[in-house]
Amino acid sequence: MTENKASTSTKKRRDWGMLGLGAAVVLLIWFALANTAEVTVSFWGYHGHTHVISVIVICALLGGCAGFALGRQRRRRQGPR
């Protein structure tokens, strides 16, 4: 009986997770379509034209990589929990 409750709660959590992921994808597509204007970019010697969404995605990826690397470094210093 306890096993059945655990599997039901896991399924509900998974369903909510899939719903959240679907909503995030829809919002991401809407955001990308809303930001198709071209902008001029001047960054570390690079001068060019690109779409706003490209700049946003590149900055998000770089920020995510930096956060991941800094988080790993902090965990390594603190040791296992």
N, C-alpha and C. Protein backbone atom coordinates (compact mmCIF):
# COMPACT_ATOMS: atom_id res chain seq x y z
N MET A 1 0.82 -1.19 0.00
CA MET A 1 0.00 0.00 0.00
C MET A 1 0.87 1.26 0.00
N THR A 2 1.93 1.27 0.78
CA THR A 2 2.84 2.41 0.81
C THR A 2 3.55 2.58 -0.52
N GLU A 3 3.90 1.46 -1.14
CA GLU A 3 4.58 1.50 -2.43
C GLU A 3 3.69 2.14 -3.49
N ASN A 4 2.37 1.87 -3.43
CA ASN A 4 1.43 2.43 -4.38
C ASN A 4 1.34 3.95 -4.22
N LYS A 5 1.33 4.44 -2.97
CA LYS A 5 1.29 5.88 -2.71
C LYS A 5 2.55 6.56 -3.23
N ALA A 6 3.68 5.91 -3.03
CA ALA A 6 4.95 6.48 -3.49
C ALA A 6 4.98 6.58 -5.00
N SER A 7 4.50 5.55 -5.69
CA SER A 7 4.53 5.59 -7.15
C SER A 7 3.54 6.61 -7.68
N THR A 8 2.41 6.82 -6.98
CA THR A 8 1.43 7.82 -7.40
C THR A 8 2.00 9.23 -7.24
N SER A 9 2.68 9.50 -6.13
CA SER A 9 3.25 10.83 -5.93
C SER A 9 4.39 11.09 -6.92
N THR A 10 5.15 10.06 -7.24
CA THR A 10 6.22 10.22 -8.24
C THR A 10 5.62 10.53 -9.60
N LYS A 11 4.53 9.87 -9.95
CA LYS A 11 3.87 10.11 -11.24
C LYS A 11 3.31 11.52 -11.30
N LYS A 12 2.71 11.99 -10.19
CA LYS A 12 2.18 13.35 -10.15
C LYS A 12 3.29 14.37 -10.31
N ARG A 13 4.42 14.13 -9.63
CA ARG A 13 5.56 15.03 -9.75
C ARG A 13 6.07 15.07 -11.18
N ARG A 14 6.14 13.90 -11.82
CA ARG A 14 6.61 13.82 -13.20
C ARG A 14 5.64 14.56 -14.13
N ASP A 15 4.32 14.41 -13.87
CA ASP A 15 3.33 15.10 -14.69
C ASP A 15 3.47 16.61 -14.58
N TRP A 16 3.66 17.10 -13.35
CA TRP A 16 3.86 18.54 -13.16
C TRP A 16 5.16 19.01 -13.81
N GLY A 17 6.18 18.18 -13.74
CA GLY A 17 7.44 18.52 -14.38
C GLY A 17 7.31 18.63 -15.89
N MET A 18 6.56 17.69 -16.48
CA MET A 18 6.35 17.73 -17.94
C MET A 18 5.51 18.95 -18.32
N LEU A 19 4.52 19.29 -17.49
CA LEU A 19 3.70 20.47 -17.75
C LEU A 19 4.56 21.73 -17.69
N GLY A 20 5.42 21.80 -16.69
CA GLY A 20 6.33 22.96 -16.56
C GLY A 20 7.30 23.05 -17.73
N LEU A 21 7.82 21.90 -18.15
CA LEU A 21 8.73 21.88 -19.30
C LEU A 21 8.01 22.33 -20.56
N GLY A 22 6.80 21.86 -20.76
CA GLY A 22 6.01 22.27 -21.93
C GLY A 22 5.74 23.76 -21.93
N ALA A 23 5.39 24.30 -20.76
CA ALA A 23 5.15 25.74 -20.64
C ALA A 23 6.42 26.53 -20.93
N ALA A 24 7.57 26.05 -20.44
CA ALA A 24 8.84 26.73 -20.69
C ALA A 24 9.18 26.74 -22.17
N VAL A 25 8.92 25.64 -22.86
CA VAL A 25 9.20 25.56 -24.30
C VAL A 25 8.31 26.53 -25.07
N VAL A 26 7.03 26.57 -24.71
CA VAL A 26 6.10 27.50 -25.38
C VAL A 26 6.55 28.94 -25.15
N LEU A 27 6.91 29.29 -23.92
CA LEU A 27 7.38 30.64 -23.63
C LEU A 27 8.69 30.97 -24.36
N LEU A 28 9.57 30.00 -24.45
CA LEU A 28 10.83 30.20 -25.16
C LEU A 28 10.59 30.47 -26.65
N ILE A 29 9.69 29.72 -27.25
CA ILE A 29 9.37 29.93 -28.67
C ILE A 29 8.74 31.30 -28.86
N TRP A 30 7.80 31.66 -27.98
CA TRP A 30 7.17 32.98 -28.08
C TRP A 30 8.21 34.09 -27.91
N PHE A 31 9.11 33.93 -26.96
CA PHE A 31 10.15 34.92 -26.71
C PHE A 31 11.08 35.06 -27.92
N ALA A 32 11.42 33.94 -28.53
CA ALA A 32 12.30 33.96 -29.71
C ALA A 32 11.62 34.68 -30.87
N LEU A 33 10.33 34.41 -31.07
CA LEU A 33 9.62 35.06 -32.17
C LEU A 33 9.42 36.55 -31.92
N ALA A 34 9.34 36.96 -30.66
CA ALA A 34 9.15 38.37 -30.31
C ALA A 34 10.46 39.16 -30.42
N ASN A 35 11.59 38.48 -30.48
CA ASN A 35 12.89 39.16 -30.50
C ASN A 35 13.68 38.82 -31.76
N THR A 36 13.09 39.11 -32.90
CA THR A 36 13.76 38.81 -34.17
C THR A 36 14.45 40.02 -34.79
N ALA A 37 14.38 41.18 -34.12
CA ALA A 37 14.99 42.38 -34.67
C ALA A 37 16.51 42.22 -34.72
N GLU A 38 17.13 42.87 -35.68
CA GLU A 38 18.59 42.83 -35.78
C GLU A 38 19.20 43.96 -34.96
N VAL A 39 20.32 43.67 -34.34
CA VAL A 39 21.04 44.66 -33.54
C VAL A 39 22.52 44.64 -33.94
N THR A 40 23.19 45.72 -33.66
CA THR A 40 24.63 45.79 -33.88
C THR A 40 25.33 45.36 -32.61
N VAL A 41 26.28 44.47 -32.74
CA VAL A 41 27.02 43.96 -31.59
C VAL A 41 28.49 44.34 -31.74
N SER A 42 29.04 44.95 -30.70
CA SER A 42 30.47 45.26 -30.64
C SER A 42 30.98 44.68 -29.33
N PHE A 43 31.76 43.60 -29.42
CA PHE A 43 32.21 42.90 -28.22
C PHE A 43 33.58 42.33 -28.46
N TRP A 44 34.56 42.75 -27.71
CA TRP A 44 35.94 42.26 -27.76
C TRP A 44 36.46 42.16 -29.19
N GLY A 45 36.34 43.23 -29.92
CA GLY A 45 36.89 43.25 -31.27
C GLY A 45 35.93 42.76 -32.35
N TYR A 46 34.83 42.13 -31.96
CA TYR A 46 33.85 41.67 -32.94
C TYR A 46 32.84 42.78 -33.17
N HIS A 47 32.61 43.12 -34.42
CA HIS A 47 31.59 44.09 -34.79
C HIS A 47 30.73 43.46 -35.87
N GLY A 48 29.46 43.37 -35.60
CA GLY A 48 28.58 42.76 -36.58
C GLY A 48 27.12 42.95 -36.24
N HIS A 49 26.28 42.36 -37.07
CA HIS A 49 24.83 42.43 -36.89
C HIS A 49 24.31 41.02 -36.63
N THR A 50 23.40 40.92 -35.68
CA THR A 50 22.77 39.64 -35.37
C THR A 50 21.40 39.90 -34.77
N HIS A 51 20.63 38.86 -34.59
CA HIS A 51 19.30 38.98 -34.00
C HIS A 51 19.42 39.05 -32.48
N VAL A 52 18.48 39.75 -31.86
CA VAL A 52 18.47 39.92 -30.41
C VAL A 52 18.44 38.56 -29.72
N ILE A 53 17.64 37.62 -30.22
CA ILE A 53 17.52 36.33 -29.57
C ILE A 53 18.86 35.58 -29.57
N SER A 54 19.67 35.78 -30.60
CA SER A 54 20.99 35.14 -30.64
C SER A 54 21.87 35.66 -29.50
N VAL A 55 21.82 36.95 -29.28
CA VAL A 55 22.60 37.55 -28.19
C VAL A 55 22.12 37.02 -26.85
N ILE A 56 20.81 36.93 -26.68
CA ILE A 56 20.25 36.45 -25.41
C ILE A 56 20.64 35.00 -25.16
N VAL A 57 20.53 34.16 -26.18
CA VAL A 57 20.85 32.73 -26.02
C VAL A 57 22.34 32.55 -25.72
N ILE A 58 23.20 33.26 -26.43
CA ILE A 58 24.64 33.14 -26.19
C ILE A 58 24.99 33.60 -24.77
N CYS A 59 24.41 34.71 -24.33
CA CYS A 59 24.67 35.19 -22.97
C CYS A 59 24.15 34.20 -21.92
N ALA A 60 22.99 33.60 -22.16
CA ALA A 60 22.43 32.62 -21.22
C ALA A 60 23.33 31.39 -21.14
N LEU A 61 23.81 30.92 -22.28
CA LEU A 61 24.69 29.76 -22.29
C LEU A 61 26.01 30.04 -21.57
N LEU A 62 26.60 31.20 -21.84
CA LEU A 62 27.84 31.57 -21.16
C LEU A 62 27.63 31.72 -19.65
N GLY A 63 26.50 32.34 -19.26
CA GLY A 63 26.20 32.49 -17.85
C GLY A 63 25.96 31.14 -17.17
N GLY A 64 25.26 30.24 -17.87
CA GLY A 64 25.03 28.91 -17.33
C GLY A 64 26.32 28.13 -17.14
N CYS A 65 27.20 28.23 -18.12
CA CYS A 65 28.50 27.54 -18.01
C CYS A 65 29.33 28.11 -16.87
N ALA A 66 29.31 29.43 -16.71
CA ALA A 66 30.07 30.05 -15.63
C ALA A 66 29.49 29.66 -14.27
N GLY A 67 28.16 29.65 -14.15
CA GLY A 67 27.53 29.24 -12.90
C GLY A 67 27.81 27.79 -12.57
N PHE A 68 27.78 26.93 -13.58
CA PHE A 68 28.07 25.52 -13.37
C PHE A 68 29.50 25.33 -12.90
N ALA A 69 30.44 26.02 -13.56
CA ALA A 69 31.86 25.89 -13.20
C ALA A 69 32.12 26.42 -11.80
N LEU A 70 31.53 27.56 -11.45
CA LEU A 70 31.73 28.12 -10.11
C LEU A 70 31.08 27.25 -9.04
N GLY A 71 29.93 26.66 -9.35
CA GLY A 71 29.27 25.77 -8.40
C GLY A 71 30.08 24.52 -8.15
N ARG A 72 30.68 23.96 -9.20
CA ARG A 72 31.53 22.78 -9.03
C ARG A 72 32.76 23.12 -8.21
N GLN A 73 33.32 24.29 -8.44
CA GLN A 73 34.51 24.70 -7.71
C GLN A 73 34.19 24.85 -6.22
N ARG A 74 33.03 25.44 -5.90
CA ARG A 74 32.65 25.61 -4.50
C ARG A 74 32.41 24.26 -3.84
N ARG A 75 31.74 23.33 -4.53
CA ARG A 75 31.49 22.01 -3.96
C ARG A 75 32.78 21.26 -3.71
N ARG A 76 33.74 21.43 -4.60
CA ARG A 76 35.02 20.75 -4.45
C ARG A 76 35.73 21.25 -3.21
N ARG A 77 35.65 22.56 -2.95
CA ARG A 77 36.30 23.16 -1.79
C ARG A 77 35.63 22.74 -0.48
N GLN A 78 34.28 22.64 -0.48
CA GLN A 78 33.55 22.29 0.73
C GLN A 78 33.61 20.79 1.02
N GLY A 79 33.81 19.99 0.02
CA GLY A 79 33.83 18.56 0.23
C GLY A 79 32.43 17.98 0.14
N PRO A 80 32.34 16.65 0.22
CA PRO A 80 31.02 16.03 0.13
C PRO A 80 30.16 16.32 1.35
N ARG A 81 28.84 16.33 1.14
CA ARG A 81 27.91 16.62 2.25
C ARG A 81 27.54 15.39 2.98
